[in-house]
Amino acid sequence: MTDWDHNNVREVDWALGGCMMVRRKAVSAPQLFDERFFLYFEEVDLCYRMKKTPWRVIYNPEAAVIHHHLRESAGRGLNRQKFEVINSWMKFKLKHLFHRH
C-alpha cells in the first residue's frame, strides 16, 4: 500500500490481523473469524464482511505495534507458508464469488 500518504487517518479495505482492533459491537463471536482460513486472509475476510455493514475499517497512523515475523511466504519457491497464502486466497475468492449479496 505505497500509493497513499500513511500520515493521515483514512478508511481502508482491510487491516493487517497482526495489528487490528475491532469493536465488540461490530461483530458477534460466531462471526469474528472464519475458521476455514487456517492462516492468511482471515483478516481480509473479516474486514470485507464488516464493510458490508455500517461499520468501517479505519487506518490510524498513531496506532503502532512491533510485529516480529519472518515473511517466509514472500521467499522464493513453494513452501508451507506460500501454499497457505494461495490456499486461503482461493478460499476467500470462492467464498465471496458464490455468496454475493
N, C-alpha and C. Protein backbone atom coordinates (compact mmCIF):
# COMPACT_ATOMS: atom_id res chain seq x y z
N MET A 1 0.83 -1.18 0.00
CA MET A 1 0.00 0.00 0.00
C MET A 1 0.88 1.24 0.00
N THR A 2 1.62 1.40 -1.05
CA THR A 2 2.53 2.53 -1.14
C THR A 2 1.95 3.68 -1.94
N ASP A 3 0.71 3.58 -2.36
CA ASP A 3 0.13 4.58 -3.25
C ASP A 3 -0.64 5.69 -2.52
N TRP A 4 -0.49 5.79 -1.19
CA TRP A 4 -1.16 6.85 -0.45
C TRP A 4 -0.36 7.25 0.78
N ASP A 5 -0.66 8.44 1.29
CA ASP A 5 0.04 9.01 2.44
C ASP A 5 -0.39 8.32 3.72
N HIS A 6 0.54 7.67 4.39
CA HIS A 6 0.24 6.93 5.62
C HIS A 6 0.28 7.81 6.87
N ASN A 7 0.34 9.12 6.71
CA ASN A 7 0.36 10.03 7.85
C ASN A 7 -1.03 10.51 8.25
N ASN A 8 -2.05 10.07 7.53
CA ASN A 8 -3.41 10.53 7.80
C ASN A 8 -4.33 9.36 8.12
N VAL A 9 -5.32 9.64 8.97
CA VAL A 9 -6.37 8.66 9.25
C VAL A 9 -7.22 8.55 8.00
N ARG A 10 -7.56 7.31 7.60
CA ARG A 10 -8.40 7.13 6.42
C ARG A 10 -9.06 5.77 6.43
N GLU A 11 -10.14 5.67 5.69
CA GLU A 11 -10.82 4.39 5.54
C GLU A 11 -10.03 3.53 4.55
N VAL A 12 -9.92 2.24 4.86
CA VAL A 12 -9.19 1.30 4.01
C VAL A 12 -10.05 0.06 3.78
N ASP A 13 -9.63 -0.78 2.85
CA ASP A 13 -10.37 -2.00 2.58
C ASP A 13 -10.17 -3.06 3.65
N TRP A 14 -8.96 -3.15 4.19
CA TRP A 14 -8.66 -4.14 5.21
C TRP A 14 -7.43 -3.71 6.00
N ALA A 15 -7.27 -4.32 7.18
CA ALA A 15 -6.13 -4.04 8.04
C ALA A 15 -5.43 -5.36 8.34
N LEU A 16 -4.15 -5.28 8.64
CA LEU A 16 -3.39 -6.47 8.98
C LEU A 16 -3.88 -7.05 10.30
N GLY A 17 -4.07 -8.36 10.33
CA GLY A 17 -4.53 -9.03 11.54
C GLY A 17 -3.53 -8.92 12.68
N GLY A 18 -2.26 -8.70 12.38
CA GLY A 18 -1.24 -8.57 13.41
C GLY A 18 -1.37 -7.28 14.19
N CYS A 19 -2.17 -6.34 13.70
CA CYS A 19 -2.36 -5.06 14.38
C CYS A 19 -3.77 -4.55 14.08
N MET A 20 -4.75 -5.25 14.63
CA MET A 20 -6.13 -4.89 14.34
C MET A 20 -6.91 -4.81 15.64
N MET A 21 -7.67 -3.76 15.78
CA MET A 21 -8.57 -3.62 16.91
C MET A 21 -9.98 -3.56 16.35
N VAL A 22 -10.88 -4.37 16.92
CA VAL A 22 -12.25 -4.45 16.42
C VAL A 22 -13.19 -4.22 17.60
N ARG A 23 -14.14 -3.34 17.40
CA ARG A 23 -15.12 -3.11 18.46
C ARG A 23 -15.96 -4.36 18.67
N ARG A 24 -16.21 -4.68 19.92
CA ARG A 24 -17.00 -5.85 20.26
C ARG A 24 -18.39 -5.77 19.61
N LYS A 25 -18.96 -4.58 19.55
CA LYS A 25 -20.28 -4.39 18.95
C LYS A 25 -20.27 -4.64 17.44
N ALA A 26 -19.12 -4.56 16.81
CA ALA A 26 -19.04 -4.69 15.36
C ALA A 26 -19.27 -6.12 14.88
N VAL A 27 -18.88 -7.07 15.69
CA VAL A 27 -19.02 -8.47 15.31
C VAL A 27 -19.43 -9.30 16.51
N SER A 28 -20.19 -10.33 16.24
CA SER A 28 -20.50 -11.27 17.32
C SER A 28 -19.48 -12.40 17.25
N ALA A 29 -19.31 -13.11 18.31
CA ALA A 29 -18.28 -14.15 18.38
C ALA A 29 -18.33 -15.14 17.21
N PRO A 30 -19.50 -15.67 16.81
CA PRO A 30 -19.50 -16.61 15.69
C PRO A 30 -19.07 -15.98 14.36
N GLN A 31 -19.17 -14.67 14.27
CA GLN A 31 -18.83 -14.01 13.01
C GLN A 31 -17.42 -13.46 12.99
N LEU A 32 -16.69 -13.56 14.08
CA LEU A 32 -15.40 -12.91 14.15
C LEU A 32 -14.45 -13.40 13.05
N PHE A 33 -13.91 -14.58 13.18
CA PHE A 33 -13.03 -15.11 12.14
C PHE A 33 -13.60 -16.42 11.61
N ASP A 34 -13.53 -16.58 10.32
CA ASP A 34 -13.99 -17.80 9.66
C ASP A 34 -12.91 -18.86 9.86
N GLU A 35 -13.22 -19.92 10.56
CA GLU A 35 -12.23 -20.95 10.88
C GLU A 35 -11.74 -21.74 9.68
N ARG A 36 -12.36 -21.56 8.52
CA ARG A 36 -11.87 -22.24 7.32
C ARG A 36 -10.55 -21.66 6.84
N PHE A 37 -10.21 -20.45 7.32
CA PHE A 37 -8.93 -19.84 6.97
C PHE A 37 -7.92 -20.22 8.06
N PHE A 38 -7.08 -21.21 7.77
CA PHE A 38 -6.09 -21.66 8.73
C PHE A 38 -5.07 -20.56 9.00
N LEU A 39 -4.63 -19.94 7.95
CA LEU A 39 -3.59 -18.92 8.05
C LEU A 39 -3.72 -18.03 6.82
N TYR A 40 -3.66 -16.75 6.99
CA TYR A 40 -3.75 -15.75 5.92
C TYR A 40 -5.19 -15.56 5.44
N PHE A 41 -5.52 -14.31 5.15
CA PHE A 41 -6.81 -13.87 4.60
C PHE A 41 -7.95 -13.89 5.62
N GLU A 42 -7.71 -14.33 6.85
CA GLU A 42 -8.79 -14.29 7.83
C GLU A 42 -9.17 -12.85 8.16
N GLU A 43 -8.17 -11.95 8.22
CA GLU A 43 -8.47 -10.55 8.50
C GLU A 43 -9.09 -9.85 7.28
N VAL A 44 -8.68 -10.25 6.09
CA VAL A 44 -9.27 -9.69 4.87
C VAL A 44 -10.75 -10.08 4.80
N ASP A 45 -11.04 -11.32 5.11
CA ASP A 45 -12.42 -11.80 5.12
C ASP A 45 -13.25 -11.04 6.16
N LEU A 46 -12.72 -10.87 7.36
CA LEU A 46 -13.43 -10.14 8.40
C LEU A 46 -13.72 -8.70 7.97
N CYS A 47 -12.72 -8.02 7.46
CA CYS A 47 -12.90 -6.63 7.02
C CYS A 47 -13.88 -6.54 5.87
N TYR A 48 -13.81 -7.46 4.94
CA TYR A 48 -14.73 -7.48 3.80
C TYR A 48 -16.17 -7.60 4.29
N ARG A 49 -16.38 -8.49 5.25
CA ARG A 49 -17.73 -8.67 5.80
C ARG A 49 -18.17 -7.45 6.60
N MET A 50 -17.26 -6.85 7.36
CA MET A 50 -17.61 -5.66 8.13
C MET A 50 -17.99 -4.49 7.22
N LYS A 51 -17.32 -4.37 6.08
CA LYS A 51 -17.61 -3.26 5.17
C LYS A 51 -18.98 -3.39 4.52
N LYS A 52 -19.60 -4.55 4.62
CA LYS A 52 -20.95 -4.73 4.10
C LYS A 52 -22.00 -4.31 5.13
N THR A 53 -21.55 -3.84 6.27
CA THR A 53 -22.41 -3.37 7.34
C THR A 53 -22.14 -1.86 7.50
N PRO A 54 -22.78 -1.22 8.44
CA PRO A 54 -22.46 0.20 8.67
C PRO A 54 -21.06 0.43 9.25
N TRP A 55 -20.39 -0.60 9.73
CA TRP A 55 -19.04 -0.43 10.29
C TRP A 55 -18.03 -0.14 9.19
N ARG A 56 -16.98 0.59 9.56
CA ARG A 56 -15.92 0.92 8.61
C ARG A 56 -14.59 0.38 9.12
N VAL A 57 -13.65 0.23 8.21
CA VAL A 57 -12.29 -0.19 8.55
C VAL A 57 -11.41 1.04 8.40
N ILE A 58 -10.78 1.44 9.47
CA ILE A 58 -10.02 2.70 9.50
C ILE A 58 -8.55 2.44 9.78
N TYR A 59 -7.70 3.10 9.04
CA TYR A 59 -6.25 3.09 9.29
C TYR A 59 -5.94 4.32 10.14
N ASN A 60 -5.24 4.11 11.25
CA ASN A 60 -4.84 5.21 12.13
C ASN A 60 -3.32 5.17 12.29
N PRO A 61 -2.61 6.18 11.76
CA PRO A 61 -1.15 6.16 11.83
C PRO A 61 -0.59 6.31 13.24
N GLU A 62 -1.42 6.74 14.19
CA GLU A 62 -0.94 6.89 15.56
C GLU A 62 -0.90 5.56 16.30
N ALA A 63 -1.60 4.57 15.81
CA ALA A 63 -1.56 3.24 16.41
C ALA A 63 -0.29 2.55 15.93
N ALA A 64 0.46 2.01 16.85
CA ALA A 64 1.74 1.39 16.49
C ALA A 64 1.90 0.06 17.19
N VAL A 65 2.56 -0.86 16.50
CA VAL A 65 2.85 -2.16 17.06
C VAL A 65 4.15 -2.66 16.43
N ILE A 66 4.90 -3.43 17.17
CA ILE A 66 6.08 -4.10 16.59
C ILE A 66 5.68 -5.54 16.39
N HIS A 67 5.68 -5.99 15.16
CA HIS A 67 5.26 -7.34 14.82
C HIS A 67 6.47 -8.08 14.26
N HIS A 68 7.03 -8.95 15.04
CA HIS A 68 8.19 -9.72 14.59
C HIS A 68 7.69 -10.90 13.76
N HIS A 69 8.10 -10.93 12.53
CA HIS A 69 7.68 -12.01 11.65
C HIS A 69 8.80 -12.31 10.68
N LEU A 70 8.70 -13.44 10.04
CA LEU A 70 9.77 -13.87 9.14
C LEU A 70 9.47 -13.62 7.67
N ARG A 71 8.22 -13.36 7.32
CA ARG A 71 7.79 -13.17 5.94
C ARG A 71 8.22 -14.34 5.06
N GLU A 72 8.11 -15.54 5.57
CA GLU A 72 8.52 -16.72 4.83
C GLU A 72 7.67 -16.93 3.57
N SER A 73 6.46 -16.40 3.56
CA SER A 73 5.62 -16.56 2.37
C SER A 73 6.09 -15.69 1.22
N ALA A 74 6.98 -14.74 1.48
CA ALA A 74 7.47 -13.87 0.42
C ALA A 74 8.73 -14.42 -0.25
N GLY A 75 9.27 -15.50 0.25
CA GLY A 75 10.51 -16.06 -0.30
C GLY A 75 10.30 -16.75 -1.63
N ARG A 76 11.38 -17.19 -2.20
CA ARG A 76 11.32 -17.90 -3.49
C ARG A 76 10.88 -19.34 -3.29
N GLY A 77 10.28 -19.87 -4.32
CA GLY A 77 9.87 -21.27 -4.28
C GLY A 77 8.60 -21.47 -3.48
N LEU A 78 8.08 -22.68 -3.56
CA LEU A 78 6.85 -23.02 -2.85
C LEU A 78 7.21 -23.63 -1.50
N ASN A 79 6.74 -23.00 -0.44
CA ASN A 79 6.94 -23.54 0.90
C ASN A 79 5.57 -23.61 1.57
N ARG A 80 5.52 -24.06 2.80
CA ARG A 80 4.24 -24.22 3.50
C ARG A 80 3.49 -22.89 3.61
N GLN A 81 4.21 -21.82 3.93
CA GLN A 81 3.57 -20.52 4.09
C GLN A 81 2.97 -20.03 2.78
N LYS A 82 3.72 -20.16 1.71
CA LYS A 82 3.22 -19.71 0.40
C LYS A 82 2.03 -20.57 -0.03
N PHE A 83 2.10 -21.86 0.25
CA PHE A 83 0.96 -22.73 -0.04
C PHE A 83 -0.27 -22.25 0.71
N GLU A 84 -0.13 -21.90 1.99
CA GLU A 84 -1.27 -21.42 2.79
C GLU A 84 -1.80 -20.09 2.28
N VAL A 85 -0.93 -19.20 1.81
CA VAL A 85 -1.38 -17.93 1.21
C VAL A 85 -2.26 -18.22 0.00
N ILE A 86 -1.78 -19.06 -0.89
CA ILE A 86 -2.53 -19.39 -2.11
C ILE A 86 -3.84 -20.10 -1.76
N ASN A 87 -3.78 -21.04 -0.85
CA ASN A 87 -4.96 -21.78 -0.42
C ASN A 87 -6.01 -20.84 0.18
N SER A 88 -5.60 -19.97 1.07
CA SER A 88 -6.53 -19.04 1.70
C SER A 88 -7.08 -18.02 0.70
N TRP A 89 -6.25 -17.55 -0.21
CA TRP A 89 -6.72 -16.62 -1.24
C TRP A 89 -7.81 -17.28 -2.07
N MET A 90 -7.60 -18.55 -2.45
CA MET A 90 -8.62 -19.26 -3.24
C MET A 90 -9.90 -19.44 -2.42
N LYS A 91 -9.79 -19.78 -1.15
CA LYS A 91 -10.97 -19.91 -0.30
C LYS A 91 -11.73 -18.59 -0.21
N PHE A 92 -11.00 -17.50 -0.03
CA PHE A 92 -11.61 -16.18 0.05
C PHE A 92 -12.36 -15.84 -1.24
N LYS A 93 -11.69 -16.03 -2.37
CA LYS A 93 -12.31 -15.71 -3.66
C LYS A 93 -13.55 -16.57 -3.90
N LEU A 94 -13.45 -17.86 -3.65
CA LEU A 94 -14.59 -18.75 -3.87
C LEU A 94 -15.74 -18.44 -2.91
N LYS A 95 -15.41 -18.15 -1.67
CA LYS A 95 -16.44 -17.82 -0.68
C LYS A 95 -17.25 -16.61 -1.11
N HIS A 96 -16.57 -15.57 -1.55
CA HIS A 96 -17.27 -14.33 -1.85
C HIS A 96 -17.75 -14.26 -3.29
N LEU A 97 -17.20 -15.05 -4.16
CA LEU A 97 -17.69 -15.12 -5.54
C LEU A 97 -19.08 -15.73 -5.58
N PHE A 98 -19.28 -16.77 -4.78
CA PHE A 98 -20.54 -17.51 -4.81
C PHE A 98 -21.53 -17.05 -3.74
N HIS A 99 -21.13 -16.11 -2.88
CA HIS A 99 -22.03 -15.64 -1.83
C HIS A 99 -22.22 -14.14 -1.88
N ARG A 100 -22.34 -13.60 -3.05
CA ARG A 100 -22.57 -12.16 -3.19
C ARG A 100 -23.96 -11.80 -2.72
N HIS A 101 -24.07 -10.66 -2.07
CA HIS A 101 -25.37 -10.20 -1.58
C HIS A 101 -25.74 -8.90 -2.24
